[in-house]
Amino acid sequence: MIDIILDTLKDSIKILPFLFITFLIMEFFEHRLSNKSKRKLEKSGKIGPLFGGILGAFPQCGFSVSATNLYAAKIITLGTLIAVYLSTSDEMLPILLSEGASFSVIFKFVGIKILIGIFFGFVIDFIFKKTELEVEHIHEICDDGHCDCEHGIIKSSIKHTLNIFLFLVIISFILNIIMTYYGEDKLRNLFLDNNILSTFISSLIGLIPNCGASVIITELYLSNVISFGSALAGLLTSSGVAILVLFKINHNLKENLKVLFLIYFIGVFCGIIVNLLGITI
């Protein structure tokens, strides 16, 4: 139990700087940007998936958490959020490095996730053209969080950060208990036959808002238990705790479920295509 508590705190504390910086940015937009600057920001959102796909590839899920907050404030588009989620590596990269995977394998894994993220990010923004960026939505987050935004950027950013951090600690603690006492071995057993359903199962496991999901999927791939396509399917949906943050801070349940469905569908689709084509790395 002590190890679970320490792991929960360690994983949550890693995200603290990202949360604080993100809320600082949001408060800056709220307090400082002119209407002209806001219009420029909205225009820049058209190429958001490009930057989202690249930034999301950085290790851990910090950028996906940051993107989630920015999306809830309508600063970035749905496509940009999806691009970040799909390219986020969570614990994949550290595991590949620690297991001695070749640079070529790591580069291809990360590169493919980035390209998929960017591609589907632009596709989603094209399909959902009605989505408009409105920096004014930050007001709603401030009101819900009771952050006293008028009292200064730093104070309100700290209150937002601590509010989300506490939520993450509680939920992550519960998930870590489940993964430790019930889930890990049973999740592994689901893949032992490497059957046709492994892509669907892998994508579903990837959605678990816990770093253990990406660790299990990566290790199963390195152990030749699952195919590259199945591993890719699960790692595309592994955005860490960002999904938790999305449901916490964005009160549009229908919108959140749409994001969840899109991530899962893209993960399964890409995994099936890769398996059918027999692509390996």
Protein backbone atom coordinates (compact mmCIF):
# COMPACT_ATOMS: atom_id res chain seq x y z
CA MET A 1 0.00 0.00 0.00
CA ILE A 2 2.90 2.35 0.75
CA ASP A 3 4.31 1.68 -2.72
CA ILE A 4 0.90 2.45 -4.25
CA ILE A 5 0.72 5.75 -2.38
CA LEU A 6 4.27 6.69 -3.38
CA ASP A 7 3.65 5.76 -7.04
CA THR A 8 0.43 7.77 -7.05
CA LEU A 9 2.14 10.86 -5.64
CA LYS A 10 5.14 10.47 -7.95
CA ASP A 11 3.00 10.20 -11.08
CA SER A 12 0.76 13.08 -10.03
CA ILE A 13 3.60 15.40 -9.02
CA LYS A 14 5.18 14.96 -12.47
CA ILE A 15 2.15 16.68 -13.95
CA LEU A 16 2.08 19.63 -11.53
CA PRO A 17 4.43 21.89 -13.57
CA PHE A 18 2.44 21.25 -16.75
CA LEU A 19 -0.84 22.05 -15.01
CA PHE A 20 0.49 25.27 -13.51
CA ILE A 21 2.08 26.50 -16.75
CA THR A 22 -1.08 25.70 -18.69
CA PHE A 23 -3.29 27.64 -16.29
CA LEU A 24 -0.83 30.53 -16.39
CA ILE A 25 -1.23 30.60 -20.16
CA MET A 26 -4.99 30.47 -19.86
CA GLU A 27 -5.02 33.28 -17.32
CA PHE A 28 -2.76 35.33 -19.55
CA PHE A 29 -5.25 34.96 -22.38
CA GLU A 30 -8.05 35.86 -20.02
CA HIS A 31 -6.42 38.97 -18.57
CA ARG A 32 -4.14 40.29 -21.28
CA LEU A 33 -5.10 39.45 -24.82
CA SER A 34 -6.80 42.07 -26.94
CA ASN A 35 -9.55 41.19 -29.40
CA LYS A 36 -7.04 41.49 -32.22
CA SER A 37 -4.72 39.01 -30.52
CA LYS A 38 -7.60 36.62 -29.93
CA ARG A 39 -8.42 36.64 -33.65
CA LYS A 40 -4.81 35.82 -34.46
CA LEU A 41 -4.92 32.94 -32.03
CA GLU A 42 -8.05 31.60 -33.65
CA LYS A 43 -6.41 31.70 -37.09
CA SER A 44 -3.33 29.90 -35.81
CA GLY A 45 -5.60 27.10 -34.67
CA LYS A 46 -5.84 25.92 -38.27
CA ILE A 47 -2.35 24.43 -38.06
CA GLY A 48 -2.78 23.38 -34.43
CA PRO A 49 -2.77 19.62 -35.20
CA LEU A 50 0.75 19.94 -36.62
CA PHE A 51 2.12 21.40 -33.39
CA GLY A 52 -0.11 19.17 -31.28
CA GLY A 53 1.17 16.00 -32.92
CA ILE A 54 4.80 17.02 -32.39
CA LEU A 55 4.49 18.33 -28.83
CA GLY A 56 2.39 15.38 -27.72
CA ALA A 57 5.25 13.00 -28.51
CA PHE A 58 7.31 14.22 -25.57
CA PRO A 59 7.57 11.55 -22.82
CA GLN A 60 4.91 11.34 -20.09
CA CYS A 61 1.40 12.73 -20.37
CA GLY A 62 2.08 16.32 -19.33
CA PHE A 63 1.40 17.84 -22.72
CA SER A 64 -1.83 15.89 -23.12
CA VAL A 65 -3.01 17.27 -19.77
CA SER A 66 -2.04 20.78 -20.87
CA ALA A 67 -3.87 20.33 -24.18
CA THR A 68 -6.96 19.10 -22.35
CA ASN A 69 -7.16 22.27 -20.28
CA LEU A 70 -6.60 24.45 -23.34
CA TYR A 71 -9.31 22.55 -25.23
CA ALA A 72 -11.79 22.96 -22.39
CA ALA A 73 -11.13 26.71 -22.60
CA LYS A 74 -11.68 26.57 -26.40
CA ILE A 75 -8.14 27.84 -27.05
CA ILE A 76 -7.27 24.86 -29.26
CA THR A 77 -9.42 22.85 -31.64
CA LEU A 78 -10.76 19.32 -31.30
CA GLY A 79 -8.35 18.17 -33.99
CA THR A 80 -5.40 19.61 -32.08
CA LEU A 81 -6.51 17.81 -28.92
CA ILE A 82 -6.88 14.51 -30.78
CA ALA A 83 -3.44 14.99 -32.39
CA VAL A 84 -1.87 15.43 -28.95
CA TYR A 85 -3.69 12.41 -27.51
CA LEU A 86 -2.68 10.13 -30.39
CA SER A 87 0.99 11.11 -30.33
CA THR A 88 1.34 11.11 -26.53
CA SER A 89 3.76 8.39 -25.51
CA ASP A 90 2.99 8.34 -21.76
CA GLU A 91 5.36 5.63 -20.42
CA MET A 92 6.10 4.02 -23.81
CA LEU A 93 9.35 5.85 -24.49
CA PRO A 94 10.93 5.27 -21.04
CA ILE A 95 10.04 1.55 -21.27
CA LEU A 96 11.52 1.21 -24.77
CA LEU A 97 14.71 2.90 -23.60
CA SER A 98 14.99 0.88 -20.41
CA GLU A 99 14.45 -2.38 -22.32
CA GLY A 100 17.27 -1.53 -24.71
CA ALA A 101 15.14 -1.13 -27.83
CA SER A 102 17.12 0.06 -30.83
CA PHE A 103 17.04 3.72 -31.85
CA SER A 104 15.43 2.65 -35.12
CA VAL A 105 12.51 0.99 -33.33
CA ILE A 106 12.01 3.96 -31.02
CA PHE A 107 12.20 6.46 -33.88
CA LYS A 108 9.67 4.51 -35.98
CA PHE A 109 7.27 4.04 -33.06
CA VAL A 110 7.30 7.71 -32.12
CA GLY A 111 7.33 8.89 -35.76
CA ILE A 112 4.33 6.78 -36.73
CA LYS A 113 2.35 8.03 -33.74
CA ILE A 114 3.20 11.64 -34.62
CA LEU A 115 2.17 11.21 -38.27
CA ILE A 116 -1.09 9.50 -37.31
CA GLY A 117 -1.83 12.24 -34.79
CA ILE A 118 -1.19 15.05 -37.26
CA PHE A 119 -3.14 13.38 -40.08
CA PHE A 120 -6.25 12.59 -38.04
CA GLY A 121 -6.03 15.94 -36.27
CA PHE A 122 -6.41 17.78 -39.57
CA VAL A 123 -9.10 15.35 -40.76
CA ILE A 124 -11.16 15.91 -37.59
CA ASP A 125 -10.81 19.68 -37.80
CA PHE A 126 -11.98 19.49 -41.42
CA ILE A 127 -15.00 17.37 -40.50
CA PHE A 128 -15.98 19.38 -37.43
CA LYS A 129 -15.63 22.81 -39.00
CA LYS A 130 -18.27 24.23 -36.68
CA THR A 131 -15.85 24.13 -33.76
CA GLU A 132 -14.77 27.69 -33.07
CA LEU A 133 -12.09 28.88 -30.73
CA GLU A 134 -13.43 31.20 -28.09
CA VAL A 135 -11.01 32.40 -25.47
CA GLU A 136 -13.99 33.77 -23.59
CA HIS A 137 -14.80 30.18 -22.50
CA ILE A 138 -12.05 30.56 -19.92
CA HIS A 139 -14.60 32.60 -17.94
CA GLU A 140 -16.67 29.42 -17.50
CA ILE A 141 -13.70 27.51 -16.08
CA CYS A 142 -12.95 30.35 -13.71
CA ASP A 143 -16.55 30.49 -12.50
CA ASP A 144 -16.71 26.72 -11.95
CA GLY A 145 -13.41 26.66 -10.11
CA HIS A 146 -14.22 29.66 -7.89
CA CYS A 147 -10.67 30.86 -8.50
CA ASP A 148 -11.17 34.61 -7.93
CA CYS A 149 -9.50 35.35 -11.26
CA GLU A 150 -9.83 39.07 -10.71
CA HIS A 151 -7.31 38.82 -7.87
CA GLY A 152 -4.39 38.01 -10.11
CA ILE A 153 -2.99 35.51 -12.58
CA ILE A 154 -0.69 33.67 -10.15
CA LYS A 155 -3.27 33.14 -7.41
CA SER A 156 -6.00 31.89 -9.72
CA SER A 157 -3.53 29.62 -11.57
CA ILE A 158 -2.45 28.04 -8.28
CA LYS A 159 -6.06 27.43 -7.24
CA HIS A 160 -6.89 25.80 -10.58
CA THR A 161 -3.75 23.65 -10.40
CA LEU A 162 -4.36 22.42 -6.86
CA ASN A 163 -8.00 21.67 -7.65
CA ILE A 164 -7.13 19.42 -10.60
CA PHE A 165 -4.09 17.94 -8.81
CA LEU A 166 -6.19 16.78 -5.86
CA PHE A 167 -8.70 15.19 -8.23
CA LEU A 168 -5.92 13.35 -10.07
CA VAL A 169 -4.34 12.07 -6.86
CA ILE A 170 -7.61 10.56 -5.65
CA ILE A 171 -8.55 8.92 -8.96
CA SER A 172 -4.99 7.73 -9.69
CA PHE A 173 -4.80 6.17 -6.22
CA ILE A 174 -7.97 4.19 -6.87
CA LEU A 175 -6.74 3.07 -10.30
CA ASN A 176 -3.34 2.05 -8.92
CA ILE A 177 -5.05 -0.14 -6.32
CA ILE A 178 -7.08 -1.83 -9.05
CA MET A 179 -4.05 -2.33 -11.28
CA THR A 180 -1.95 -3.71 -8.41
CA TYR A 181 -4.42 -6.12 -6.80
CA TYR A 182 -6.55 -7.11 -9.76
CA GLY A 183 -5.67 -5.88 -13.19
CA GLU A 184 -2.11 -6.33 -14.42
CA ASP A 185 -1.83 -10.11 -14.72
CA LYS A 186 -5.36 -10.47 -16.03
CA LEU A 187 -4.77 -7.76 -18.61
CA ARG A 188 -1.70 -9.67 -19.80
CA ASN A 189 -3.67 -12.90 -20.10
CA LEU A 190 -6.13 -11.29 -22.49
CA PHE A 191 -3.42 -11.18 -25.15
CA LEU A 192 -1.84 -14.61 -24.78
CA ASP A 193 -3.45 -16.03 -27.92
CA ASN A 194 -2.84 -12.83 -29.89
CA ASN A 195 -6.21 -13.34 -31.58
CA ILE A 196 -8.07 -11.01 -33.91
CA LEU A 197 -9.67 -9.22 -30.98
CA SER A 198 -6.32 -8.13 -29.56
CA THR A 199 -6.45 -4.83 -31.44
CA PHE A 200 -9.83 -3.96 -29.91
CA ILE A 201 -8.70 -5.08 -26.47
CA SER A 202 -5.40 -3.21 -26.70
CA SER A 203 -7.14 0.04 -27.67
CA LEU A 204 -9.59 -0.38 -24.81
CA ILE A 205 -6.80 -0.96 -22.30
CA GLY A 206 -4.98 2.07 -23.65
CA LEU A 207 -7.92 4.21 -22.60
CA ILE A 208 -7.34 3.33 -18.93
CA PRO A 209 -6.18 6.67 -17.43
CA ASN A 210 -3.13 5.18 -15.77
CA CYS A 211 0.50 4.84 -16.84
CA GLY A 212 0.27 1.09 -16.19
CA ALA A 213 -1.71 0.66 -19.42
CA SER A 214 1.06 1.89 -21.71
CA VAL A 215 3.67 -0.02 -19.68
CA ILE A 216 1.80 -3.31 -20.12
CA ILE A 217 1.19 -2.80 -23.84
CA THR A 218 4.81 -1.84 -24.52
CA GLU A 219 6.18 -4.78 -22.54
CA LEU A 220 3.83 -7.21 -24.26
CA TYR A 221 5.05 -5.99 -27.63
CA LEU A 222 8.72 -6.24 -26.64
CA SER A 223 8.01 -9.78 -25.40
CA ASN A 224 6.45 -10.69 -28.79
CA VAL A 225 3.11 -11.44 -27.15
CA ILE A 226 1.21 -8.99 -29.35
CA SER A 227 1.80 -7.69 -32.87
CA PHE A 228 3.02 -4.22 -33.75
CA GLY A 229 -0.45 -3.31 -34.97
CA SER A 230 -2.06 -4.32 -31.67
CA ALA A 231 0.60 -2.48 -29.70
CA LEU A 232 0.15 0.62 -31.86
CA ALA A 233 -3.63 0.48 -31.35
CA GLY A 234 -3.23 0.55 -27.57
CA LEU A 235 -0.47 3.14 -27.48
CA LEU A 236 -2.46 5.51 -29.72
CA THR A 237 -5.22 5.59 -27.10
CA SER A 238 -2.82 5.85 -24.14
CA SER A 239 -3.03 9.52 -23.23
CA GLY A 240 -2.40 8.94 -19.52
CA VAL A 241 -4.55 10.85 -17.06
CA ALA A 242 -5.58 13.43 -19.66
CA ILE A 243 -8.94 11.70 -20.14
CA LEU A 244 -9.62 12.11 -16.42
CA VAL A 245 -8.84 15.81 -16.67
CA LEU A 246 -11.13 16.12 -19.68
CA PHE A 247 -14.12 14.70 -17.80
CA LYS A 248 -13.27 16.78 -14.74
CA ILE A 249 -12.84 20.19 -16.33
CA ASN A 250 -15.04 19.99 -19.45
CA HIS A 251 -18.69 19.68 -18.41
CA ASN A 252 -20.00 18.81 -21.87
CA LEU A 253 -20.42 15.05 -21.44
CA LYS A 254 -21.48 14.51 -25.04
CA GLU A 255 -18.33 16.26 -26.25
CA ASN A 256 -16.13 14.21 -23.92
CA LEU A 257 -17.67 10.95 -25.10
CA LYS A 258 -17.08 12.04 -28.69
CA VAL A 259 -13.39 12.53 -27.94
CA LEU A 260 -13.26 9.12 -26.27
CA PHE A 261 -14.96 7.44 -29.23
CA LEU A 262 -12.71 9.15 -31.78
CA ILE A 263 -9.55 8.10 -29.94
CA TYR A 264 -10.74 4.51 -29.63
CA PHE A 265 -11.94 4.27 -33.24
CA ILE A 266 -8.68 5.68 -34.62
CA GLY A 267 -6.63 3.34 -32.45
CA VAL A 268 -8.55 0.24 -33.58
CA PHE A 269 -8.62 1.36 -37.22
CA CYS A 270 -4.87 2.01 -37.41
CA GLY A 271 -4.07 -1.22 -35.58
CA ILE A 272 -6.19 -3.31 -37.96
CA ILE A 273 -4.70 -1.66 -41.05
CA VAL A 274 -1.14 -2.19 -39.81
CA ASN A 275 -1.86 -5.86 -39.01
CA LEU A 276 -3.50 -6.44 -42.39
CA LEU A 277 -0.54 -4.92 -44.19
CA GLY A 278 1.83 -6.99 -42.08
CA ILE A 279 3.85 -3.94 -41.02
CA THR A 280 6.45 -4.59 -38.34
CA ILE A 281 9.34 -2.61 -36.89
